[in-house]
N, C-alpha and C. Protein backbone atom coordinates (compact mmCIF):
# COMPACT_ATOMS: atom_id res chain seq x y z
N UNK A 1 9.37 12.37 12.89
CA UNK A 1 9.10 11.75 11.41
C UNK A 1 9.33 10.22 12.17
N UNK A 2 9.01 9.11 11.97
CA UNK A 2 9.06 7.70 11.95
C UNK A 2 9.17 6.76 11.58
N UNK A 3 8.77 5.77 11.04
CA UNK A 3 9.08 4.36 10.25
C UNK A 3 7.81 4.29 10.62
N UNK A 4 7.01 4.49 9.65
CA UNK A 4 5.20 3.57 9.50
C UNK A 4 5.45 2.50 9.14
N UNK A 5 4.71 1.67 9.38
CA UNK A 5 4.32 0.57 8.72
C UNK A 5 4.50 0.55 6.73
N UNK A 6 3.40 1.65 6.19
CA UNK A 6 3.59 1.92 4.77
C UNK A 6 4.78 1.93 4.32
N UNK A 7 5.81 2.80 5.30
CA UNK A 7 7.41 3.47 4.66
C UNK A 7 8.09 2.32 4.86
N UNK A 8 8.15 1.07 5.75
CA UNK A 8 8.82 -0.34 6.09
C UNK A 8 8.22 -0.76 4.76
N UNK A 9 7.76 -0.55 4.21
CA UNK A 9 6.70 -1.84 3.23
C UNK A 9 7.74 -1.00 1.68
N UNK A 10 7.80 0.17 1.91
CA UNK A 10 8.11 0.48 0.53
C UNK A 10 9.78 0.67 0.42
N UNK A 11 10.31 0.83 1.62
CA UNK A 11 11.40 0.27 1.67
C UNK A 11 12.05 -0.96 1.22
N UNK A 12 10.88 -2.07 1.79
CA UNK A 12 11.15 -3.55 1.49
C UNK A 12 11.34 -3.49 -0.19
N UNK A 13 10.06 -2.86 -0.93
CA UNK A 13 10.20 -2.91 -1.92
C UNK A 13 11.79 -2.68 -2.70
N UNK A 14 12.04 -1.25 -2.29
CA UNK A 14 13.31 -0.32 -3.23
C UNK A 14 14.36 -1.86 -2.80
N UNK A 15 14.43 -2.15 -1.71
CA UNK A 15 15.77 -3.60 -1.26
C UNK A 15 15.61 -4.55 -2.13
N UNK A 16 14.68 -4.77 -2.40
CA UNK A 16 14.81 -5.70 -3.68
C UNK A 16 15.21 -5.46 -5.38
N UNK A 17 15.17 -4.82 -5.63
CA UNK A 17 15.93 -3.94 -6.80
C UNK A 17 17.34 -4.47 -6.86
N UNK A 18 17.60 -4.91 -7.73
CA UNK A 18 19.05 -5.19 -8.56
C UNK A 18 20.20 -3.93 -8.59
N UNK A 19 20.13 -3.18 -7.82
CA UNK A 19 21.05 -2.07 -8.47
C UNK A 19 22.44 -1.89 -9.62
N UNK A 20 23.02 -3.37 -9.29
CA UNK A 20 23.78 -3.36 -10.34
C UNK A 20 23.96 -3.70 -12.23
N UNK A 21 22.31 -3.62 -11.59
CA UNK A 21 21.16 -4.08 -13.00
C UNK A 21 20.42 -3.23 -13.54
N UNK A 22 20.40 -1.48 -13.93
CA UNK A 22 19.47 -1.00 -14.30
C UNK A 22 18.59 -1.42 -15.46
N UNK A 23 18.99 -2.28 -16.20
CA UNK A 23 17.60 -2.80 -16.83
C UNK A 23 16.97 -4.02 -16.26
N UNK A 24 17.31 -4.44 -15.22
CA UNK A 24 16.31 -5.38 -14.72
C UNK A 24 15.29 -4.59 -13.36
N UNK A 25 14.00 -4.97 -13.56
CA UNK A 25 13.34 -4.32 -13.01
C UNK A 25 12.40 -5.28 -12.33
N UNK A 26 11.34 -5.15 -11.26
CA UNK A 26 10.64 -5.45 -10.90
C UNK A 26 9.46 -6.18 -11.14
N UNK A 27 8.66 -7.22 -10.77
CA UNK A 27 7.21 -7.27 -11.43
C UNK A 27 6.71 -7.57 -9.90
N UNK A 28 5.51 -6.77 -9.58
CA UNK A 28 4.48 -7.24 -8.08
C UNK A 28 3.25 -7.81 -9.24
N UNK A 29 3.19 -9.62 -8.95
CA UNK A 29 1.85 -10.41 -9.30
C UNK A 29 0.63 -9.76 -8.28
N UNK A 30 -0.03 -10.12 -8.93
CA UNK A 30 -1.36 -9.78 -8.49
C UNK A 30 -1.89 -10.93 -6.99
N UNK A 31 -0.50 -11.66 -6.98
CA UNK A 31 -0.88 -12.88 -5.35
C UNK A 31 0.27 -12.74 -4.41
N UNK A 32 1.00 -10.93 -5.21
CA UNK A 32 1.68 -10.88 -3.70
C UNK A 32 0.76 -10.57 -2.74
N UNK A 33 1.62 -10.17 -1.28
CA UNK A 33 0.48 -9.44 -0.33
C UNK A 33 -0.14 -8.28 -0.92
N UNK A 34 -0.87 -7.68 0.02
CA UNK A 34 -2.15 -6.50 -0.23
C UNK A 34 -0.91 -5.64 -0.05
N UNK A 35 0.34 -5.66 1.07
CA UNK A 35 1.07 -4.64 1.39
C UNK A 35 2.08 -3.84 0.72
N UNK A 36 2.54 -5.30 0.19
CA UNK A 36 3.92 -5.11 -1.57
C UNK A 36 2.96 -4.59 -2.88
N UNK A 37 1.85 -4.73 -2.91
CA UNK A 37 1.17 -4.39 -3.84
C UNK A 37 0.51 -3.16 -3.78
N UNK A 38 0.67 -2.60 -2.73
CA UNK A 38 0.11 -1.37 -1.96
C UNK A 38 1.39 -0.59 -2.34
N UNK A 39 2.59 -1.01 -1.34
CA UNK A 39 3.39 -0.35 -0.92
C UNK A 39 4.01 0.29 -2.72
N UNK A 40 4.04 -0.75 -3.83
CA UNK A 40 4.95 -0.61 -5.05
C UNK A 40 3.79 0.65 -5.80
N UNK A 41 2.58 0.42 -5.21
CA UNK A 41 1.35 1.49 -6.10
C UNK A 41 2.12 2.64 -5.69
N UNK A 42 1.85 3.26 -4.38
CA UNK A 42 2.55 4.67 -3.46
C UNK A 42 4.05 4.60 -4.19
N UNK A 43 4.67 4.29 -4.39
CA UNK A 43 5.86 4.48 -4.98
C UNK A 43 6.16 5.02 -6.60
N UNK A 44 5.24 4.03 -7.20
CA UNK A 44 4.52 4.11 -8.20
C UNK A 44 3.94 5.90 -8.26
N UNK A 45 3.43 6.32 -7.54
CA UNK A 45 2.71 7.46 -7.26
C UNK A 45 3.88 8.56 -6.75
N UNK A 46 4.62 7.88 -6.07
CA UNK A 46 5.99 9.53 -5.72
C UNK A 46 6.81 9.22 -6.97
N UNK A 47 6.53 8.81 -7.94
CA UNK A 47 7.80 8.68 -9.19
C UNK A 47 8.64 7.93 -8.77
N UNK A 48 8.89 7.20 -8.37
CA UNK A 48 10.41 6.06 -8.56
C UNK A 48 10.32 5.12 -8.79
N UNK A 49 9.52 4.43 -9.43
CA UNK A 49 9.10 3.23 -10.13
C UNK A 49 8.12 4.05 -11.58
N UNK A 50 8.33 2.68 -12.37
CA UNK A 50 8.14 3.41 -13.36
C UNK A 50 6.57 3.17 -13.70
N UNK A 51 6.37 1.93 -13.30
CA UNK A 51 5.20 1.57 -13.22
C UNK A 51 4.31 0.96 -12.20
N UNK A 52 2.59 0.95 -11.72
CA UNK A 52 2.01 0.81 -10.68
C UNK A 52 2.07 -0.59 -10.39
N UNK A 53 3.15 -2.04 -10.64
CA UNK A 53 3.12 -2.74 -10.26
C UNK A 53 4.75 -3.15 -10.63
N UNK A 54 5.78 -2.09 -10.49
CA UNK A 54 6.88 -2.21 -9.94
C UNK A 54 7.17 -1.76 -11.76
N UNK A 55 8.03 -2.76 -12.45
CA UNK A 55 8.88 -1.75 -13.74
C UNK A 55 10.36 -1.59 -13.44
N UNK A 56 10.78 -0.28 -13.65
CA UNK A 56 11.69 0.07 -13.06
C UNK A 56 11.82 1.14 -12.29
N UNK A 57 13.18 1.29 -11.64
CA UNK A 57 13.47 2.88 -10.74
C UNK A 57 13.25 3.85 -11.91
N UNK A 58 12.88 4.95 -11.25
CA UNK A 58 13.47 6.28 -11.94
C UNK A 58 14.43 6.86 -11.74
N UNK A 59 15.54 7.55 -12.20
CA UNK A 59 16.50 7.84 -11.76
C UNK A 59 16.26 8.65 -10.10
N UNK A 60 15.18 8.97 -9.16
CA UNK A 60 14.76 9.18 -8.05
C UNK A 60 14.79 8.14 -7.41
N UNK A 61 14.09 7.22 -8.13
CA UNK A 61 14.12 6.02 -6.98
C UNK A 61 14.91 5.15 -7.22
N UNK A 62 16.37 5.41 -8.05
CA UNK A 62 17.44 5.01 -8.09
C UNK A 62 18.21 5.16 -6.82
N UNK A 63 17.95 6.56 -6.85
CA UNK A 63 18.75 7.40 -5.42
C UNK A 63 18.51 6.53 -4.36
N UNK A 64 17.06 6.67 -4.17
CA UNK A 64 15.81 5.96 -2.75
C UNK A 64 16.93 4.73 -2.64
N UNK A 65 16.79 4.06 -3.39
CA UNK A 65 16.96 2.46 -3.24
C UNK A 65 18.03 2.23 -2.89
N UNK A 66 19.28 2.69 -3.55
CA UNK A 66 20.42 3.03 -3.24
C UNK A 66 20.74 3.41 -1.39
N UNK A 67 19.92 4.45 -1.03
CA UNK A 67 19.94 4.79 -0.08
C UNK A 67 19.36 3.55 1.03
N UNK A 68 18.16 3.34 0.66
CA UNK A 68 17.73 1.94 1.31
C UNK A 68 19.05 0.94 1.75
N UNK A 69 19.47 0.45 0.38
CA UNK A 69 19.97 -0.80 0.10
C UNK A 69 21.23 -0.64 1.21
N UNK A 70 22.12 1.23 1.46
CA UNK A 70 23.01 1.21 2.32
C UNK A 70 22.29 1.23 3.52
N UNK A 71 21.22 1.70 3.85
CA UNK A 71 20.41 1.47 5.44
C UNK A 71 20.41 0.29 5.60
N UNK A 72 19.97 -0.53 5.03
CA UNK A 72 19.92 -2.16 5.36
C UNK A 72 21.43 -2.76 5.72
N UNK A 73 22.09 -2.19 4.92
CA UNK A 73 23.66 -2.34 5.13
C UNK A 73 24.24 -2.36 6.48
N UNK A 74 24.06 -1.36 6.76
CA UNK A 74 24.36 -0.26 7.30
C UNK A 74 24.25 -1.10 8.82
N UNK A 75 22.72 -0.73 9.21
CA UNK A 75 22.22 -1.77 10.00
C UNK A 75 22.36 -3.24 10.29
N UNK A 76 22.52 -3.76 9.13
CA UNK A 76 22.72 -5.20 9.54
C UNK A 76 23.73 -5.79 9.93
N UNK A 77 25.31 -4.93 9.54
CA UNK A 77 26.32 -5.36 9.45
C UNK A 77 26.39 -5.89 11.48
N UNK A 78 26.95 -6.88 11.38
CA UNK A 78 27.15 -7.16 12.89
C UNK A 78 28.43 -6.81 13.11
N UNK A 79 28.74 -6.31 14.57
CA UNK A 79 29.87 -5.55 15.06
C UNK A 79 30.98 -6.43 15.34
N UNK A 80 32.23 -6.42 14.87
CA UNK A 80 33.66 -7.13 14.84
C UNK A 80 33.43 -7.58 16.05
N UNK A 81 33.72 -8.67 16.62
CA UNK A 81 34.29 -8.69 18.28
C UNK A 81 35.52 -8.67 18.58
């Protein structure tokens, strides 16, 4: 299994969520990139977000977003000199 462009786009959407405030959602507007719109729709189909254009994270989506953001943090931390 590898990271496909579609999966990377979904991870990018999950990384946008504010995990410190679960009452804060996202709205992916019709003027967003087609990649972002499609990724958000797929996340909805997978049961990770409440609406096809974003909305709130579901319980599963919250777990996925936490893992995605943790992975992003781990991979982007610069090594100590």
